[in-house]
Amino acid sequence: MGAGIGAIIAAPAILAAIMSGGAGHGSYVAARVLFPYSMLLTRLEGEIGPVAMGAGLLQFPVYGALVGRTVAVKTDRSVFFAGTVHLVAALACFSGLLHGFS
């Protein structure tokens, strides 16, 4: 159920990321904040390619599944870890690593 909720949340997040890209002329701020793994994968692909898009499509359902598991097991370690890794990845996106996405 958590993965399904994550998939529903992914739709507006994807829309915000696309809009922040501005057809290649935007700032990509929303994309960097919401989908940092996908943006960091552009270092390997050279663009927002199929691997980065796949990672972006899976990210929020995986987060939702982690939250669902946390509710069922009554522990918050996995969500804390995922949130910390997401924050570090988002900060890396603003560190100057992504030259083509100003």
PDB file of N, CA and C in Angstrom:
ATOM      1  N   MET A   1       0.818  -1.190   0.000  1.00  0.00           N
ATOM      2  CA  MET A   1       0.000   0.000   0.000  1.00  0.00           C
ATOM      3  C   MET A   1       0.870   1.265   0.000  1.00  0.00           C
ATOM      4  N   GLY A   2       1.974   1.223   0.755  1.00  0.00           N
ATOM      5  CA  GLY A   2       2.867   2.375   0.790  1.00  0.00           C
ATOM      6  C   GLY A   2       3.455   2.693  -0.571  1.00  0.00           C
ATOM      7  N   ALA A   3       3.788   1.650  -1.336  1.00  0.00           N
ATOM      8  CA  ALA A   3       4.336   1.870  -2.679  1.00  0.00           C
ATOM      9  C   ALA A   3       3.303   2.528  -3.582  1.00  0.00           C
ATOM     10  N   GLY A   4       2.051   2.154  -3.425  1.00  0.00           N
ATOM     11  CA  GLY A   4       0.985   2.774  -4.219  1.00  0.00           C
ATOM     12  C   GLY A   4       0.823   4.243  -3.894  1.00  0.00           C
ATOM     13  N   ILE A   5       0.872   4.577  -2.622  1.00  0.00           N
ATOM     14  CA  ILE A   5       0.786   5.980  -2.217  1.00  0.00           C
ATOM     15  C   ILE A   5       1.995   6.747  -2.736  1.00  0.00           C
ATOM     16  N   GLY A   6       3.165   6.116  -2.677  1.00  0.00           N
ATOM     17  CA  GLY A   6       4.364   6.748  -3.225  1.00  0.00           C
ATOM     18  C   GLY A   6       4.244   7.006  -4.710  1.00  0.00           C
ATOM     19  N   ALA A   7       3.613   6.077  -5.431  1.00  0.00           N
ATOM     20  CA  ALA A   7       3.412   6.258  -6.877  1.00  0.00           C
ATOM     21  C   ALA A   7       2.470   7.423  -7.154  1.00  0.00           C
ATOM     22  N   ILE A   8       1.461   7.578  -6.308  1.00  0.00           N
ATOM     23  CA  ILE A   8       0.534   8.704  -6.475  1.00  0.00           C
ATOM     24  C   ILE A   8       1.251  10.024  -6.206  1.00  0.00           C
ATOM     25  N   ILE A   9       2.092  10.056  -5.195  1.00  0.00           N
ATOM     26  CA  ILE A   9       2.858  11.268  -4.866  1.00  0.00           C
ATOM     27  C   ILE A   9       3.867  11.579  -5.966  1.00  0.00           C
ATOM     28  N   ALA A  10       4.343  10.555  -6.656  1.00  0.00           N
ATOM     29  CA  ALA A  10       5.343  10.754  -7.709  1.00  0.00           C
ATOM     30  C   ALA A  10       4.805  11.603  -8.854  1.00  0.00           C
ATOM     31  N   ALA A  11       3.520  11.496  -9.156  1.00  0.00           N
ATOM     32  CA  ALA A  11       2.960  12.223 -10.305  1.00  0.00           C
ATOM     33  C   ALA A  11       3.156  13.738 -10.195  1.00  0.00           C
ATOM     34  N   PRO A  12       2.727  14.388  -9.104  1.00  0.00           N
ATOM     35  CA  PRO A  12       2.984  15.836  -9.029  1.00  0.00           C
ATOM     36  C   PRO A  12       4.471  16.176  -8.903  1.00  0.00           C
ATOM     37  N   ALA A  13       5.253  15.270  -8.302  1.00  0.00           N
ATOM     38  CA  ALA A  13       6.696  15.523  -8.199  1.00  0.00           C
ATOM     39  C   ALA A  13       7.333  15.518  -9.584  1.00  0.00           C
ATOM     40  N   ILE A  14       6.922  14.583 -10.418  1.00  0.00           N
ATOM     41  CA  ILE A  14       7.448  14.522 -11.790  1.00  0.00           C
ATOM     42  C   ILE A  14       7.040  15.766 -12.562  1.00  0.00           C
ATOM     43  N   LEU A  15       5.791  16.185 -12.404  1.00  0.00           N
ATOM     44  CA  LEU A  15       5.322  17.394 -13.089  1.00  0.00           C
ATOM     45  C   LEU A  15       6.139  18.611 -12.655  1.00  0.00           C
ATOM     46  N   ALA A  16       6.388  18.741 -11.356  1.00  0.00           N
ATOM     47  CA  ALA A  16       7.190  19.869 -10.863  1.00  0.00           C
ATOM     48  C   ALA A  16       8.611  19.821 -11.418  1.00  0.00           C
ATOM     49  N   ALA A  17       9.185  18.631 -11.496  1.00  0.00           N
ATOM     50  CA  ALA A  17      10.547  18.493 -12.021  1.00  0.00           C
ATOM     51  C   ALA A  17      10.601  18.866 -13.495  1.00  0.00           C
ATOM     52  N   ILE A  18       9.611  18.431 -14.253  1.00  0.00           N
ATOM     53  CA  ILE A  18       9.573  18.760 -15.682  1.00  0.00           C
ATOM     54  C   ILE A  18       9.415  20.265 -15.873  1.00  0.00           C
ATOM     55  N   MET A  19       8.524  20.850 -15.090  1.00  0.00           N
ATOM     56  CA  MET A  19       8.301  22.290 -15.223  1.00  0.00           C
ATOM     57  C   MET A  19       9.542  23.086 -14.833  1.00  0.00           C
ATOM     58  N   SER A  20      10.290  22.624 -13.826  1.00  0.00           N
ATOM     59  CA  SER A  20      11.490  23.368 -13.429  1.00  0.00           C
ATOM     60  C   SER A  20      12.591  23.263 -14.474  1.00  0.00           C
ATOM     61  N   GLY A  21      12.514  22.222 -15.306  1.00  0.00           N
ATOM     62  CA  GLY A  21      13.476  22.083 -16.395  1.00  0.00           C
ATOM     63  C   GLY A  21      13.258  23.097 -17.497  1.00  0.00           C
ATOM     64  N   GLY A  22      12.036  23.575 -17.638  1.00  0.00           N
ATOM     65  CA  GLY A  22      11.730  24.620 -18.619  1.00  0.00           C
ATOM     66  C   GLY A  22      12.177  24.287 -20.019  1.00  0.00           C
ATOM     67  N   ALA A  23      11.924  23.064 -20.482  1.00  0.00           N
ATOM     68  CA  ALA A  23      12.306  22.620 -21.821  1.00  0.00           C
ATOM     69  C   ALA A  23      13.802  22.801 -22.068  1.00  0.00           C
ATOM     70  N   GLY A  24      14.586  22.581 -21.029  1.00  0.00           N
ATOM     71  CA  GLY A  24      16.034  22.690 -21.156  1.00  0.00           C
ATOM     72  C   GLY A  24      16.582  24.070 -20.841  1.00  0.00           C
ATOM     73  N   HIS A  25      15.695  25.015 -20.547  1.00  0.00           N
ATOM     74  CA  HIS A  25      16.140  26.378 -20.284  1.00  0.00           C
ATOM     75  C   HIS A  25      15.830  26.819 -18.860  1.00  0.00           C
ATOM     76  N   GLY A  26      15.433  25.879 -18.008  1.00  0.00           N
ATOM     77  CA  GLY A  26      15.077  26.211 -16.631  1.00  0.00           C
ATOM     78  C   GLY A  26      16.223  26.006 -15.668  1.00  0.00           C
ATOM     79  N   SER A  27      15.892  26.068 -14.401  1.00  0.00           N
ATOM     80  CA  SER A  27      16.917  25.955 -13.360  1.00  0.00           C
ATOM     81  C   SER A  27      17.068  24.528 -12.838  1.00  0.00           C
ATOM     82  N   TYR A  28      16.087  23.676 -13.075  1.00  0.00           N
ATOM     83  CA  TYR A  28      16.096  22.279 -12.602  1.00  0.00           C
ATOM     84  C   TYR A  28      16.135  22.187 -11.081  1.00  0.00           C
ATOM     85  N   VAL A  29      15.736  23.235 -10.379  1.00  0.00           N
ATOM     86  CA  VAL A  29      15.782  23.213  -8.918  1.00  0.00           C
ATOM     87  C   VAL A  29      14.878  22.113  -8.371  1.00  0.00           C
ATOM     88  N   ALA A  30      13.645  22.043  -8.832  1.00  0.00           N
ATOM     89  CA  ALA A  30      12.719  21.015  -8.335  1.00  0.00           C
ATOM     90  C   ALA A  30      13.233  19.620  -8.682  1.00  0.00           C
ATOM     91  N   ALA A  31      13.806  19.458  -9.855  1.00  0.00           N
ATOM     92  CA  ALA A  31      14.343  18.159 -10.252  1.00  0.00           C
ATOM     93  C   ALA A  31      15.505  17.758  -9.348  1.00  0.00           C
ATOM     94  N   ARG A  32      16.350  18.706  -9.010  1.00  0.00           N
ATOM     95  CA  ARG A  32      17.494  18.413  -8.142  1.00  0.00           C
ATOM     96  C   ARG A  32      17.055  18.061  -6.729  1.00  0.00           C
ATOM     97  N   VAL A  33      16.034  18.744  -6.226  1.00  0.00           N
ATOM     98  CA  VAL A  33      15.558  18.501  -4.863  1.00  0.00           C
ATOM     99  C   VAL A  33      14.758  17.207  -4.784  1.00  0.00           C
ATOM    100  N   LEU A  34      13.843  16.998  -5.733  1.00  0.00           N
ATOM    101  CA  LEU A  34      12.937  15.849  -5.672  1.00  0.00           C
ATOM    102  C   LEU A  34      13.557  14.563  -6.210  1.00  0.00           C
ATOM    103  N   PHE A  35      14.406  14.676  -7.209  1.00  0.00           N
ATOM    104  CA  PHE A  35      14.981  13.496  -7.870  1.00  0.00           C
ATOM    105  C   PHE A  35      16.506  13.594  -7.941  1.00  0.00           C
ATOM    106  N   PRO A  36      17.173  13.680  -6.799  1.00  0.00           N
ATOM    107  CA  PRO A  36      18.626  13.880  -6.843  1.00  0.00           C
ATOM    108  C   PRO A  36      19.385  12.700  -7.446  1.00  0.00           C
ATOM    109  N   TYR A  37      18.892  11.469  -7.249  1.00  0.00           N
ATOM    110  CA  TYR A  37      19.595  10.314  -7.806  1.00  0.00           C
ATOM    111  C   TYR A  37      19.566  10.367  -9.330  1.00  0.00           C
ATOM    112  N   SER A  38      18.417  10.711  -9.874  1.00  0.00           N
ATOM    113  CA  SER A  38      18.304  10.820 -11.328  1.00  0.00           C
ATOM    114  C   SER A  38      19.208  11.910 -11.867  1.00  0.00           C
ATOM    115  N   MET A  39      19.247  13.018 -11.178  1.00  0.00           N
ATOM    116  CA  MET A  39      20.094  14.117 -11.637  1.00  0.00           C
ATOM    117  C   MET A  39      21.573  13.745 -11.539  1.00  0.00           C
ATOM    118  N   LEU A  40      21.964  13.038 -10.493  1.00  0.00           N
ATOM    119  CA  LEU A  40      23.363  12.618 -10.371  1.00  0.00           C
ATOM    120  C   LEU A  40      23.721  11.572 -11.419  1.00  0.00           C
ATOM    121  N   LEU A  41      22.746  10.773 -11.835  1.00  0.00           N
ATOM    122  CA  LEU A  41      23.000   9.791 -12.887  1.00  0.00           C
ATOM    123  C   LEU A  41      23.305  10.445 -14.233  1.00  0.00           C
ATOM    124  N   THR A  42      22.951  11.714 -14.384  1.00  0.00           N
ATOM    125  CA  THR A  42      23.273  12.408 -15.627  1.00  0.00           C
ATOM    126  C   THR A  42      24.778  12.552 -15.813  1.00  0.00           C
ATOM    127  N   ARG A  43      25.534  12.457 -14.720  1.00  0.00           N
ATOM    128  CA  ARG A  43      26.999  12.473 -14.837  1.00  0.00           C
ATOM    129  C   ARG A  43      27.494  11.275 -15.649  1.00  0.00           C
ATOM    130  N   LEU A  44      26.787  10.146 -15.535  1.00  0.00           N
ATOM    131  CA  LEU A  44      27.161   8.940 -16.274  1.00  0.00           C
ATOM    132  C   LEU A  44      26.555   8.918 -17.671  1.00  0.00           C
ATOM    133  N   GLU A  45      25.300   9.341 -17.772  1.00  0.00           N
ATOM    134  CA  GLU A  45      24.587   9.259 -19.045  1.00  0.00           C
ATOM    135  C   GLU A  45      24.801  10.480 -19.937  1.00  0.00           C
ATOM    136  N   GLY A  46      25.179  11.596 -19.353  1.00  0.00           N
ATOM    137  CA  GLY A  46      25.366  12.810 -20.134  1.00  0.00           C
ATOM    138  C   GLY A  46      24.087  13.597 -20.345  1.00  0.00           C
ATOM    139  N   GLU A  47      22.966  13.016 -20.012  1.00  0.00           N
ATOM    140  CA  GLU A  47      21.659  13.653 -20.130  1.00  0.00           C
ATOM    141  C   GLU A  47      20.699  12.906 -19.212  1.00  0.00           C
ATOM    142  N   ILE A  48      19.479  13.402 -19.146  1.00  0.00           N
ATOM    143  CA  ILE A  48      18.468  12.692 -18.364  1.00  0.00           C
ATOM    144  C   ILE A  48      17.954  11.570 -19.260  1.00  0.00           C
ATOM    145  N   GLY A  49      18.649  10.451 -19.213  1.00  0.00           N
ATOM    146  CA  GLY A  49      18.364   9.320 -20.093  1.00  0.00           C
ATOM    147  C   GLY A  49      17.460   8.283 -19.452  1.00  0.00           C
ATOM    148  N   PRO A  50      17.368   7.116 -20.093  1.00  0.00           N
ATOM    149  CA  PRO A  50      16.432   6.086 -19.623  1.00  0.00           C
ATOM    150  C   PRO A  50      16.749   5.540 -18.236  1.00  0.00           C
ATOM    151  N   VAL A  51      18.009   5.424 -17.876  1.00  0.00           N
ATOM    152  CA  VAL A  51      18.352   4.915 -16.543  1.00  0.00           C
ATOM    153  C   VAL A  51      17.931   5.927 -15.483  1.00  0.00           C
ATOM    154  N   ALA A  52      18.217   7.201 -15.722  1.00  0.00           N
ATOM    155  CA  ALA A  52      17.829   8.253 -14.779  1.00  0.00           C
ATOM    156  C   ALA A  52      16.314   8.352 -14.663  1.00  0.00           C
ATOM    157  N   MET A  53      15.617   8.231 -15.779  1.00  0.00           N
ATOM    158  CA  MET A  53      14.149   8.281 -15.736  1.00  0.00           C
ATOM    159  C   MET A  53      13.587   7.092 -14.972  1.00  0.00           C
ATOM    160  N   GLY A  54      14.166   5.927 -15.185  1.00  0.00           N
ATOM    161  CA  GLY A  54      13.725   4.744 -14.452  1.00  0.00           C
ATOM    162  C   GLY A  54      13.933   4.900 -12.955  1.00  0.00           C
ATOM    163  N   ALA A  55      15.071   5.441 -12.575  1.00  0.00           N
ATOM    164  CA  ALA A  55      15.347   5.675 -11.152  1.00  0.00           C
ATOM    165  C   ALA A  55      14.344   6.660 -10.568  1.00  0.00           C
ATOM    166  N   GLY A  56      14.025   7.683 -11.335  1.00  0.00           N
ATOM    167  CA  GLY A  56      13.049   8.669 -10.871  1.00  0.00           C
ATOM    168  C   GLY A  56      11.656   8.094 -10.721  1.00  0.00           C
ATOM    169  N   LEU A  57      11.275   7.225 -11.643  1.00  0.00           N
ATOM    170  CA  LEU A  57       9.951   6.610 -11.562  1.00  0.00           C
ATOM    171  C   LEU A  57       9.840   5.655 -10.376  1.00  0.00           C
ATOM    172  N   LEU A  58      10.931   5.039 -10.000  1.00  0.00           N
ATOM    173  CA  LEU A  58      10.917   4.080  -8.887  1.00  0.00           C
ATOM    174  C   LEU A  58      11.119   4.727  -7.517  1.00  0.00           C
ATOM    175  N   GLN A  59      11.686   5.903  -7.494  1.00  0.00           N
ATOM    176  CA  GLN A  59      12.098   6.505  -6.230  1.00  0.00           C
ATOM    177  C   GLN A  59      10.951   6.677  -5.237  1.00  0.00           C
ATOM    178  N   PHE A  60       9.874   7.332  -5.608  1.00  0.00           N
ATOM    179  CA  PHE A  60       8.796   7.584  -4.656  1.00  0.00           C
ATOM    180  C   PHE A  60       8.036   6.329  -4.263  1.00  0.00           C
ATOM    181  N   PRO A  61       7.779   5.378  -5.171  1.00  0.00           N
ATOM    182  CA  PRO A  61       7.190   4.112  -4.705  1.00  0.00           C
ATOM    183  C   PRO A  61       8.076   3.376  -3.701  1.00  0.00           C
ATOM    184  N   VAL A  62       9.393   3.437  -3.880  1.00  0.00           N
ATOM    185  CA  VAL A  62      10.300   2.807  -2.911  1.00  0.00           C
ATOM    186  C   VAL A  62      10.224   3.546  -1.575  1.00  0.00           C
ATOM    187  N   TYR A  63      10.203   4.873  -1.606  1.00  0.00           N
ATOM    188  CA  TYR A  63      10.052   5.635  -0.367  1.00  0.00           C
ATOM    189  C   TYR A  63       8.736   5.273   0.321  1.00  0.00           C
ATOM    190  N   GLY A  64       7.671   5.168  -0.454  1.00  0.00           N
ATOM    191  CA  GLY A  64       6.371   4.795   0.111  1.00  0.00           C
ATOM    192  C   GLY A  64       6.404   3.422   0.742  1.00  0.00           C
ATOM    193  N   ALA A  65       7.076   2.480   0.088  1.00  0.00           N
ATOM    194  CA  ALA A  65       7.197   1.127   0.644  1.00  0.00           C
ATOM    195  C   ALA A  65       7.995   1.159   1.952  1.00  0.00           C
ATOM    196  N   LEU A  66       9.035   1.981   2.007  1.00  0.00           N
ATOM    197  CA  LEU A  66       9.812   2.108   3.251  1.00  0.00           C
ATOM    198  C   LEU A  66       8.964   2.679   4.384  1.00  0.00           C
ATOM    199  N   VAL A  67       8.161   3.677   4.071  1.00  0.00           N
ATOM    200  CA  VAL A  67       7.286   4.255   5.093  1.00  0.00           C
ATOM    201  C   VAL A  67       6.257   3.224   5.540  1.00  0.00           C
ATOM    202  N   GLY A  68       5.677   2.479   4.594  1.00  0.00           N
ATOM    203  CA  GLY A  68       4.729   1.429   4.945  1.00  0.00           C
ATOM    204  C   GLY A  68       5.356   0.367   5.823  1.00  0.00           C
ATOM    205  N   ARG A  69       6.554  -0.012   5.513  1.00  0.00           N
ATOM    206  CA  ARG A  69       7.272  -1.008   6.322  1.00  0.00           C
ATOM    207  C   ARG A  69       7.548  -0.450   7.715  1.00  0.00           C
ATOM    208  N   THR A  70       7.897   0.821   7.777  1.00  0.00           N
ATOM    209  CA  THR A  70       8.164   1.455   9.063  1.00  0.00           C
ATOM    210  C   THR A  70       6.922   1.447   9.942  1.00  0.00           C
ATOM    211  N   VAL A  71       5.772   1.725   9.358  1.00  0.00           N
ATOM    212  CA  VAL A  71       4.525   1.716  10.111  1.00  0.00           C
ATOM    213  C   VAL A  71       4.221   0.304  10.606  1.00  0.00           C
ATOM    214  N   ALA A  72       4.448  -0.695   9.767  1.00  0.00           N
ATOM    215  CA  ALA A  72       4.145  -2.076  10.130  1.00  0.00           C
ATOM    216  C   ALA A  72       5.102  -2.624  11.188  1.00  0.00           C
ATOM    217  N   VAL A  73       6.371  -2.279  11.095  1.00  0.00           N
ATOM    218  CA  VAL A  73       7.396  -2.837  11.992  1.00  0.00           C
ATOM    219  C   VAL A  73       7.610  -1.962  13.227  1.00  0.00           C
ATOM    220  N   LYS A  74       7.143  -0.741  13.184  1.00  0.00           N
ATOM    221  CA  LYS A  74       7.292   0.218  14.289  1.00  0.00           C
ATOM    222  C   LYS A  74       8.752   0.616  14.529  1.00  0.00           C
ATOM    223  N   THR A  75       9.455   0.856  13.457  1.00  0.00           N
ATOM    224  CA  THR A  75      10.828   1.356  13.548  1.00  0.00           C
ATOM    225  C   THR A  75      11.010   2.454  12.506  1.00  0.00           C
ATOM    226  N   ASP A  76      11.884   3.375  12.757  1.00  0.00           N
ATOM    227  CA  ASP A  76      12.070   4.476  11.808  1.00  0.00           C
ATOM    228  C   ASP A  76      13.469   4.539  11.235  1.00  0.00           C
ATOM    229  N   ARG A  77      14.266   3.543  11.427  1.00  0.00           N
ATOM    230  CA  ARG A  77      15.646   3.587  10.940  1.00  0.00           C
ATOM    231  C   ARG A  77      15.735   3.661   9.430  1.00  0.00           C
ATOM    232  N   SER A  78      14.942   2.873   8.729  1.00  0.00           N
ATOM    233  CA  SER A  78      15.044   2.846   7.268  1.00  0.00           C
ATOM    234  C   SER A  78      14.600   4.170   6.661  1.00  0.00           C
ATOM    235  N   VAL A  79      13.558   4.778   7.206  1.00  0.00           N
ATOM    236  CA  VAL A  79      13.093   6.067   6.686  1.00  0.00           C
ATOM    237  C   VAL A  79      14.117   7.156   6.999  1.00  0.00           C
ATOM    238  N   PHE A  80      14.682   7.135   8.185  1.00  0.00           N
ATOM    239  CA  PHE A  80      15.717   8.101   8.539  1.00  0.00           C
ATOM    240  C   PHE A  80      16.923   7.957   7.609  1.00  0.00           C
ATOM    241  N   PHE A  81      17.343   6.728   7.361  1.00  0.00           N
ATOM    242  CA  PHE A  81      18.480   6.478   6.480  1.00  0.00           C
ATOM    243  C   PHE A  81      18.170   6.961   5.058  1.00  0.00           C
ATOM    244  N   ALA A  82      16.985   6.612   4.542  1.00  0.00           N
ATOM    245  CA  ALA A  82      16.611   7.031   3.186  1.00  0.00           C
ATOM    246  C   ALA A  82      16.527   8.549   3.086  1.00  0.00           C
ATOM    247  N   GLY A  83      15.986   9.189   4.105  1.00  0.00           N
ATOM    248  CA  GLY A  83      15.905  10.644   4.105  1.00  0.00           C
ATOM    249  C   GLY A  83      17.272  11.300   4.149  1.00  0.00           C
ATOM    250  N   THR A  84      18.166  10.729   4.926  1.00  0.00           N
ATOM    251  CA  THR A  84      19.530  11.263   5.018  1.00  0.00           C
ATOM    252  C   THR A  84      20.267  11.109   3.695  1.00  0.00           C
ATOM    253  N   VAL A  85      20.151   9.950   3.074  1.00  0.00           N
ATOM    254  CA  VAL A  85      20.809   9.721   1.781  1.00  0.00           C
ATOM    255  C   VAL A  85      20.226  10.649   0.720  1.00  0.00           C
ATOM    256  N   HIS A  86      18.900  10.845   0.748  1.00  0.00           N
ATOM    257  CA  HIS A  86      18.255  11.752  -0.210  1.00  0.00           C
ATOM    258  C   HIS A  86      18.790  13.173  -0.010  1.00  0.00           C
ATOM    259  N   LEU A  87      18.879  13.616   1.236  1.00  0.00           N
ATOM    260  CA  LEU A  87      19.379  14.963   1.521  1.00  0.00           C
ATOM    261  C   LEU A  87      20.814  15.140   1.048  1.00  0.00           C
ATOM    262  N   VAL A  88      21.659  14.168   1.306  1.00  0.00           N
ATOM    263  CA  VAL A  88      23.057  14.241   0.866  1.00  0.00           C
ATOM    264  C   VAL A  88      23.129  14.280  -0.659  1.00  0.00           C
ATOM    265  N   ALA A  89      22.322  13.461  -1.324  1.00  0.00           N
ATOM    266  CA  ALA A  89      22.311  13.454  -2.793  1.00  0.00           C
ATOM    267  C   ALA A  89      21.807  14.789  -3.332  1.00  0.00           C
ATOM    268  N   ALA A  90      20.783  15.357  -2.702  1.00  0.00           N
ATOM    269  CA  ALA A  90      20.262  16.652  -3.149  1.00  0.00           C
ATOM    270  C   ALA A  90      21.320  17.742  -2.964  1.00  0.00           C
ATOM    271  N   LEU A  91      22.018  17.720  -1.847  1.00  0.00           N
ATOM    272  CA  LEU A  91      23.084  18.699  -1.636  1.00  0.00           C
ATOM    273  C   LEU A  91      24.199  18.533  -2.665  1.00  0.00           C
ATOM    274  N   ALA A  92      24.501  17.295  -3.030  1.00  0.00           N
ATOM    275  CA  ALA A  92      25.515  17.052  -4.060  1.00  0.00           C
ATOM    276  C   ALA A  92      25.084  17.640  -5.395  1.00  0.00           C
ATOM    277  N   CYS A  93      23.781  17.625  -5.662  1.00  0.00           N
ATOM    278  CA  CYS A  93      23.275  18.201  -6.924  1.00  0.00           C
ATOM    279  C   CYS A  93      23.521  19.707  -7.001  1.00  0.00           C
ATOM    280  N   PHE A  94      23.616  20.367  -5.866  1.00  0.00           N
ATOM    281  CA  PHE A  94      23.848  21.812  -5.846  1.00  0.00           C
ATOM    282  C   PHE A  94      25.310  22.166  -5.597  1.00  0.00           C
ATOM    283  N   SER A  95      26.181  21.165  -5.560  1.00  0.00           N
ATOM    284  CA  SER A  95      27.588  21.409  -5.234  1.00  0.00           C
ATOM    285  C   SER A  95      28.447  21.770  -6.439  1.00  0.00           C
ATOM    286  N   GLY A  96      27.871  21.770  -7.620  1.00  0.00           N
ATOM    287  CA  GLY A  96      28.639  22.064  -8.819  1.00  0.00           C
ATOM    288  C   GLY A  96      28.977  20.827  -9.630  1.00  0.00           C
ATOM    289  N   LEU A  97      28.514  19.668  -9.222  1.00  0.00           N
ATOM    290  CA  LEU A  97      28.768  18.439  -9.968  1.00  0.00           C
ATOM    291  C   LEU A  97      28.026  18.387 -11.302  1.00  0.00           C
ATOM    292  N   LEU A  98      26.911  19.070 -11.392  1.00  0.00           N
ATOM    293  CA  LEU A  98      26.063  19.007 -12.586  1.00  0.00           C
ATOM    294  C   LEU A  98      26.250  20.251 -13.430  1.00  0.00           C
ATOM    295  N   HIS A  99      27.188  20.210 -14.331  1.00  0.00           N
ATOM    296  CA  HIS A  99      27.551  21.389 -15.114  1.00  0.00           C
ATOM    297  C   HIS A  99      26.497  21.753 -16.158  1.00  0.00           C
ATOM    298  N   GLY A 100      25.798  20.799 -16.701  1.00  0.00           N
ATOM    299  CA  GLY A 100      24.841  21.081 -17.762  1.00  0.00           C
ATOM    300  C   GLY A 100      23.486  21.497 -17.273  1.00  0.00           C
ATOM    301  N   PHE A 101      23.274  21.544 -15.964  1.00  0.00           N
ATOM    302  CA  PHE A 101      21.963  21.854 -15.411  1.00  0.00           C
ATOM    303  C   PHE A 101      22.072  23.025 -14.452  1.00  0.00           C
ATOM    304  N   SER A 102      22.133  24.226 -15.021  1.00  0.00           N
ATOM    305  CA  SER A 102      22.314  25.411 -14.177  1.00  0.00           C
ATOM    306  C   SER A 102      21.004  25.969 -13.694  1.00  0.00           C
TER     307      SER A 102
END
